[in-house]
Amino acid sequence: MPLGLYADVHVPGPAILQLRLRGVDVLAATEEGTNELLDDELLELAASLQRVVVTQDIRFRVLAENWQRSGRRFAGLVFSHQRYVSFGQLVLDLGLIAKATDAAYWENRVVQLPL
């Protein structure tokens, strides 16, 4: 079963569109009306939906790593630094992640792109 992604407000809209054109199941906080949620609330929401959070916000990555250390459950997080990962690489890597992995693999995992 393909993996569902949850893009926070820091993921560019065109990247979300490109992922969808490639058949990736991705929800966007800006479209879902969750863009005002705090990072921990969004991480909890994504976990309840079994979706991996995608972000370009370093503070979000730090939060997920703190949850990881404390044993607090979340559905996974992919971090992409805006300076070091091109738009094309972001779309390619996220497409690969969504199609080649499942929710069980991502539980409590934090990964930084590029792959």
N, C-alpha and C. Protein backbone atom coordinates (compact mmCIF):
# COMPACT_ATOMS: atom_id res chain seq x y z
N MET A 1 0.85 -1.18 0.00
CA MET A 1 0.00 0.00 0.00
C MET A 1 0.89 1.24 0.00
N PRO A 2 0.68 2.15 -0.95
CA PRO A 2 1.50 3.37 -1.01
C PRO A 2 1.38 4.20 0.26
N LEU A 3 2.42 4.91 0.55
CA LEU A 3 2.49 5.74 1.75
C LEU A 3 1.84 7.09 1.50
N GLY A 4 1.06 7.57 2.46
CA GLY A 4 0.47 8.89 2.39
C GLY A 4 1.39 9.91 3.05
N LEU A 5 1.49 11.08 2.45
CA LEU A 5 2.32 12.16 2.98
C LEU A 5 1.45 13.30 3.47
N TYR A 6 1.98 14.08 4.40
CA TYR A 6 1.31 15.28 4.90
C TYR A 6 2.32 16.42 4.83
N ALA A 7 2.12 17.34 3.89
CA ALA A 7 3.05 18.45 3.67
C ALA A 7 2.67 19.63 4.56
N ASP A 8 3.65 20.12 5.32
CA ASP A 8 3.37 21.30 6.14
C ASP A 8 3.47 22.56 5.27
N VAL A 9 3.29 23.72 5.90
CA VAL A 9 3.24 24.98 5.14
C VAL A 9 4.54 25.35 4.46
N HIS A 10 5.64 24.71 4.82
CA HIS A 10 6.94 25.05 4.26
C HIS A 10 7.25 24.31 2.95
N VAL A 11 6.40 23.37 2.58
CA VAL A 11 6.60 22.63 1.33
C VAL A 11 5.92 23.43 0.21
N PRO A 12 6.68 23.76 -0.84
CA PRO A 12 6.10 24.58 -1.92
C PRO A 12 4.92 23.91 -2.61
N GLY A 13 3.91 24.71 -2.90
CA GLY A 13 2.73 24.21 -3.59
C GLY A 13 3.04 23.51 -4.91
N PRO A 14 3.96 24.04 -5.73
CA PRO A 14 4.27 23.35 -6.97
C PRO A 14 4.86 21.94 -6.75
N ALA A 15 5.57 21.74 -5.66
CA ALA A 15 6.09 20.39 -5.35
C ALA A 15 4.94 19.45 -5.03
N ILE A 16 3.96 19.94 -4.30
CA ILE A 16 2.78 19.13 -3.97
C ILE A 16 2.04 18.76 -5.25
N LEU A 17 1.87 19.72 -6.14
CA LEU A 17 1.21 19.47 -7.42
C LEU A 17 1.97 18.42 -8.23
N GLN A 18 3.27 18.55 -8.32
CA GLN A 18 4.08 17.59 -9.08
C GLN A 18 3.97 16.18 -8.48
N LEU A 19 3.95 16.09 -7.16
CA LEU A 19 3.80 14.78 -6.51
C LEU A 19 2.45 14.17 -6.88
N ARG A 20 1.42 14.96 -6.83
CA ARG A 20 0.08 14.46 -7.18
C ARG A 20 0.02 14.01 -8.63
N LEU A 21 0.67 14.76 -9.52
CA LEU A 21 0.70 14.36 -10.93
C LEU A 21 1.41 13.03 -11.12
N ARG A 22 2.26 12.67 -10.18
CA ARG A 22 2.97 11.39 -10.22
C ARG A 22 2.25 10.31 -9.42
N GLY A 23 1.04 10.60 -8.99
CA GLY A 23 0.22 9.60 -8.30
C GLY A 23 0.50 9.46 -6.81
N VAL A 24 1.18 10.43 -6.20
CA VAL A 24 1.48 10.37 -4.78
C VAL A 24 0.30 10.94 -3.99
N ASP A 25 -0.08 10.23 -2.94
CA ASP A 25 -1.15 10.66 -2.05
C ASP A 25 -0.58 11.64 -1.03
N VAL A 26 -0.82 12.92 -1.25
CA VAL A 26 -0.26 13.95 -0.36
C VAL A 26 -1.34 14.95 0.03
N LEU A 27 -1.46 15.16 1.34
CA LEU A 27 -2.33 16.22 1.87
C LEU A 27 -1.45 17.42 2.16
N ALA A 28 -2.00 18.61 2.00
CA ALA A 28 -1.26 19.84 2.27
C ALA A 28 -1.94 20.60 3.40
N ALA A 29 -1.16 21.00 4.39
CA ALA A 29 -1.70 21.74 5.52
C ALA A 29 -2.42 23.00 5.04
N THR A 30 -1.89 23.65 4.01
CA THR A 30 -2.52 24.88 3.51
C THR A 30 -3.88 24.61 2.90
N GLU A 31 -4.10 23.44 2.34
CA GLU A 31 -5.38 23.08 1.74
C GLU A 31 -6.35 22.49 2.76
N GLU A 32 -5.80 21.82 3.76
CA GLU A 32 -6.63 21.15 4.76
C GLU A 32 -7.08 22.10 5.87
N GLY A 33 -6.55 23.31 5.88
CA GLY A 33 -6.89 24.27 6.92
C GLY A 33 -6.18 24.00 8.24
N THR A 34 -5.10 23.23 8.18
CA THR A 34 -4.34 22.90 9.39
C THR A 34 -3.04 23.70 9.46
N ASN A 35 -2.90 24.69 8.60
CA ASN A 35 -1.65 25.46 8.55
C ASN A 35 -1.44 26.33 9.78
N GLU A 36 -2.44 26.49 10.62
CA GLU A 36 -2.29 27.27 11.84
C GLU A 36 -1.97 26.39 13.05
N LEU A 37 -1.97 25.08 12.86
CA LEU A 37 -1.66 24.17 13.98
C LEU A 37 -0.20 24.31 14.38
N LEU A 38 0.07 24.10 15.64
CA LEU A 38 1.45 24.03 16.11
C LEU A 38 2.08 22.76 15.56
N ASP A 39 3.40 22.74 15.48
CA ASP A 39 4.09 21.59 14.90
C ASP A 39 3.74 20.29 15.62
N ASP A 40 3.67 20.31 16.95
CA ASP A 40 3.35 19.08 17.67
C ASP A 40 1.93 18.62 17.38
N GLU A 41 1.01 19.56 17.18
CA GLU A 41 -0.37 19.20 16.84
C GLU A 41 -0.44 18.58 15.44
N LEU A 42 0.34 19.13 14.51
CA LEU A 42 0.36 18.58 13.16
C LEU A 42 0.99 17.20 13.15
N LEU A 43 2.03 17.00 13.95
CA LEU A 43 2.67 15.69 14.04
C LEU A 43 1.69 14.66 14.60
N GLU A 44 0.88 15.05 15.58
CA GLU A 44 -0.14 14.16 16.15
C GLU A 44 -1.23 13.86 15.13
N LEU A 45 -1.68 14.89 14.41
CA LEU A 45 -2.71 14.70 13.40
C LEU A 45 -2.23 13.75 12.31
N ALA A 46 -1.03 13.97 11.82
CA ALA A 46 -0.48 13.10 10.77
C ALA A 46 -0.37 11.66 11.27
N ALA A 47 0.01 11.48 12.52
CA ALA A 47 0.10 10.13 13.10
C ALA A 47 -1.27 9.47 13.12
N SER A 48 -2.30 10.24 13.48
CA SER A 48 -3.66 9.66 13.52
C SER A 48 -4.13 9.26 12.13
N LEU A 49 -3.60 9.93 11.10
CA LEU A 49 -3.95 9.62 9.71
C LEU A 49 -2.96 8.65 9.06
N GLN A 50 -1.95 8.23 9.82
CA GLN A 50 -0.87 7.36 9.32
C GLN A 50 -0.19 7.96 8.09
N ARG A 51 0.16 9.24 8.20
CA ARG A 51 0.84 9.94 7.12
C ARG A 51 2.16 10.50 7.63
N VAL A 52 3.17 10.41 6.81
CA VAL A 52 4.48 10.95 7.14
C VAL A 52 4.48 12.44 6.85
N VAL A 53 4.96 13.22 7.80
CA VAL A 53 5.04 14.67 7.62
C VAL A 53 6.25 15.01 6.76
N VAL A 54 6.06 15.93 5.84
CA VAL A 54 7.14 16.45 5.00
C VAL A 54 7.29 17.92 5.35
N THR A 55 8.52 18.36 5.60
CA THR A 55 8.75 19.75 5.98
C THR A 55 10.10 20.24 5.49
N GLN A 56 10.22 21.55 5.43
CA GLN A 56 11.51 22.19 5.19
C GLN A 56 11.85 23.10 6.36
N ASP A 57 11.20 22.87 7.50
CA ASP A 57 11.38 23.65 8.72
C ASP A 57 12.27 22.87 9.70
N ILE A 58 13.46 23.39 9.96
CA ILE A 58 14.42 22.71 10.82
C ILE A 58 13.87 22.52 12.24
N ARG A 59 13.06 23.45 12.71
CA ARG A 59 12.49 23.30 14.06
C ARG A 59 11.56 22.11 14.15
N PHE A 60 10.87 21.83 13.06
CA PHE A 60 9.98 20.67 13.01
C PHE A 60 10.81 19.39 13.11
N ARG A 61 11.93 19.36 12.40
CA ARG A 61 12.82 18.20 12.48
C ARG A 61 13.32 17.99 13.90
N VAL A 62 13.72 19.07 14.56
CA VAL A 62 14.20 18.98 15.94
C VAL A 62 13.11 18.44 16.85
N LEU A 63 11.87 18.91 16.68
CA LEU A 63 10.75 18.41 17.47
C LEU A 63 10.59 16.90 17.28
N ALA A 64 10.59 16.44 16.04
CA ALA A 64 10.42 15.01 15.76
C ALA A 64 11.57 14.20 16.37
N GLU A 65 12.78 14.72 16.30
CA GLU A 65 13.92 14.01 16.90
C GLU A 65 13.78 13.95 18.42
N ASN A 66 13.24 14.99 19.04
CA ASN A 66 12.99 14.96 20.48
C ASN A 66 11.93 13.91 20.82
N TRP A 67 10.89 13.83 20.02
CA TRP A 67 9.87 12.80 20.22
C TRP A 67 10.50 11.42 20.07
N GLN A 68 11.36 11.27 19.09
CA GLN A 68 12.05 10.00 18.85
C GLN A 68 12.82 9.58 20.09
N ARG A 69 13.61 10.50 20.65
CA ARG A 69 14.42 10.20 21.84
C ARG A 69 13.57 9.86 23.06
N SER A 70 12.42 10.53 23.18
CA SER A 70 11.58 10.31 24.36
C SER A 70 10.63 9.13 24.20
N GLY A 71 10.60 8.53 23.01
CA GLY A 71 9.74 7.37 22.77
C GLY A 71 8.30 7.73 22.45
N ARG A 72 8.04 8.98 22.16
CA ARG A 72 6.69 9.42 21.81
C ARG A 72 6.40 9.04 20.36
N ARG A 73 5.28 8.38 20.13
CA ARG A 73 4.95 7.84 18.82
C ARG A 73 4.54 8.94 17.83
N PHE A 74 5.08 8.81 16.62
CA PHE A 74 4.64 9.64 15.48
C PHE A 74 4.82 8.82 14.22
N ALA A 75 4.22 9.27 13.13
CA ALA A 75 4.18 8.47 11.90
C ALA A 75 5.39 8.65 11.00
N GLY A 76 6.34 9.48 11.40
CA GLY A 76 7.54 9.70 10.60
C GLY A 76 7.62 11.12 10.08
N LEU A 77 8.84 11.52 9.75
CA LEU A 77 9.06 12.87 9.25
C LEU A 77 10.20 12.86 8.23
N VAL A 78 9.96 13.56 7.13
CA VAL A 78 10.99 13.76 6.11
C VAL A 78 11.32 15.24 6.10
N PHE A 79 12.61 15.55 6.27
CA PHE A 79 13.07 16.94 6.27
C PHE A 79 13.91 17.19 5.03
N SER A 80 13.65 18.31 4.38
CA SER A 80 14.40 18.70 3.19
C SER A 80 14.87 20.14 3.37
N HIS A 81 16.16 20.34 3.43
CA HIS A 81 16.69 21.70 3.58
C HIS A 81 16.57 22.43 2.25
N GLN A 82 16.03 23.64 2.28
CA GLN A 82 15.79 24.40 1.05
C GLN A 82 17.06 24.70 0.27
N ARG A 83 18.16 24.86 0.95
CA ARG A 83 19.41 25.20 0.25
C ARG A 83 20.11 24.01 -0.38
N TYR A 84 19.88 22.83 0.14
CA TYR A 84 20.68 21.68 -0.29
C TYR A 84 19.93 20.65 -1.11
N VAL A 85 18.64 20.83 -1.26
CA VAL A 85 17.84 19.89 -2.05
C VAL A 85 17.07 20.69 -3.10
N SER A 86 17.32 20.39 -4.36
CA SER A 86 16.63 21.11 -5.43
C SER A 86 15.16 20.71 -5.47
N PHE A 87 14.39 21.52 -6.15
CA PHE A 87 12.96 21.23 -6.32
C PHE A 87 12.78 19.84 -6.96
N GLY A 88 13.52 19.59 -8.03
CA GLY A 88 13.41 18.31 -8.72
C GLY A 88 13.79 17.13 -7.84
N GLN A 89 14.86 17.29 -7.06
CA GLN A 89 15.29 16.22 -6.16
C GLN A 89 14.25 15.97 -5.08
N LEU A 90 13.64 17.04 -4.57
CA LEU A 90 12.58 16.92 -3.57
C LEU A 90 11.44 16.08 -4.10
N VAL A 91 10.97 16.39 -5.29
CA VAL A 91 9.85 15.66 -5.89
C VAL A 91 10.24 14.20 -6.16
N LEU A 92 11.43 13.98 -6.72
CA LEU A 92 11.86 12.61 -7.00
C LEU A 92 11.99 11.78 -5.74
N ASP A 93 12.64 12.32 -4.71
CA ASP A 93 12.85 11.57 -3.47
C ASP A 93 11.52 11.27 -2.77
N LEU A 94 10.64 12.27 -2.70
CA LEU A 94 9.35 12.04 -2.04
C LEU A 94 8.50 11.04 -2.81
N GLY A 95 8.56 11.10 -4.13
CA GLY A 95 7.85 10.11 -4.94
C GLY A 95 8.35 8.70 -4.68
N LEU A 96 9.65 8.56 -4.59
CA LEU A 96 10.24 7.25 -4.30
C LEU A 96 9.82 6.76 -2.92
N ILE A 97 9.91 7.64 -1.93
CA ILE A 97 9.53 7.29 -0.56
C ILE A 97 8.07 6.83 -0.52
N ALA A 98 7.18 7.58 -1.16
CA ALA A 98 5.75 7.28 -1.11
C ALA A 98 5.41 5.96 -1.80
N LYS A 99 6.14 5.64 -2.86
CA LYS A 99 5.80 4.44 -3.62
C LYS A 99 6.56 3.19 -3.18
N ALA A 100 7.68 3.37 -2.50
CA ALA A 100 8.52 2.20 -2.18
C ALA A 100 8.53 1.82 -0.70
N THR A 101 7.85 2.60 0.15
CA THR A 101 7.83 2.28 1.57
C THR A 101 6.39 2.30 2.08
N ASP A 102 6.21 1.84 3.32
CA ASP A 102 4.87 1.86 3.91
C ASP A 102 4.91 2.50 5.29
N ALA A 103 3.74 2.67 5.88
CA ALA A 103 3.62 3.36 7.16
C ALA A 103 4.41 2.68 8.27
N ALA A 104 4.44 1.36 8.28
CA ALA A 104 5.17 0.64 9.34
C ALA A 104 6.66 0.97 9.31
N TYR A 105 7.22 1.11 8.13
CA TYR A 105 8.64 1.46 7.99
C TYR A 105 8.94 2.82 8.60
N TRP A 106 8.02 3.76 8.48
CA TRP A 106 8.28 5.15 8.87
C TRP A 106 7.99 5.46 10.33
N GLU A 107 7.31 4.59 11.05
CA GLU A 107 6.95 4.91 12.42
C GLU A 107 8.18 5.32 13.23
N ASN A 108 8.10 6.51 13.83
CA ASN A 108 9.16 7.08 14.68
C ASN A 108 10.49 7.29 13.96
N ARG A 109 10.44 7.48 12.66
CA ARG A 109 11.67 7.66 11.87
C ARG A 109 11.75 9.10 11.35
N VAL A 110 12.97 9.65 11.37
CA VAL A 110 13.25 10.98 10.81
C VAL A 110 14.34 10.81 9.76
N VAL A 111 14.07 11.31 8.57
CA VAL A 111 15.03 11.20 7.47
C VAL A 111 15.22 12.57 6.86
N GLN A 112 16.46 12.87 6.51
CA GLN A 112 16.77 14.13 5.84
C GLN A 112 17.11 13.84 4.38
N LEU A 113 16.52 14.62 3.48
CA LEU A 113 16.83 14.50 2.06
C LEU A 113 18.09 15.29 1.74
N PRO A 114 18.82 14.95 0.67
CA PRO A 114 18.47 13.94 -0.31
C PRO A 114 18.75 12.52 0.22
N LEU A 115 18.08 11.56 -0.42
CA LEU A 115 18.25 10.16 -0.02
C LEU A 115 19.66 9.69 -0.29
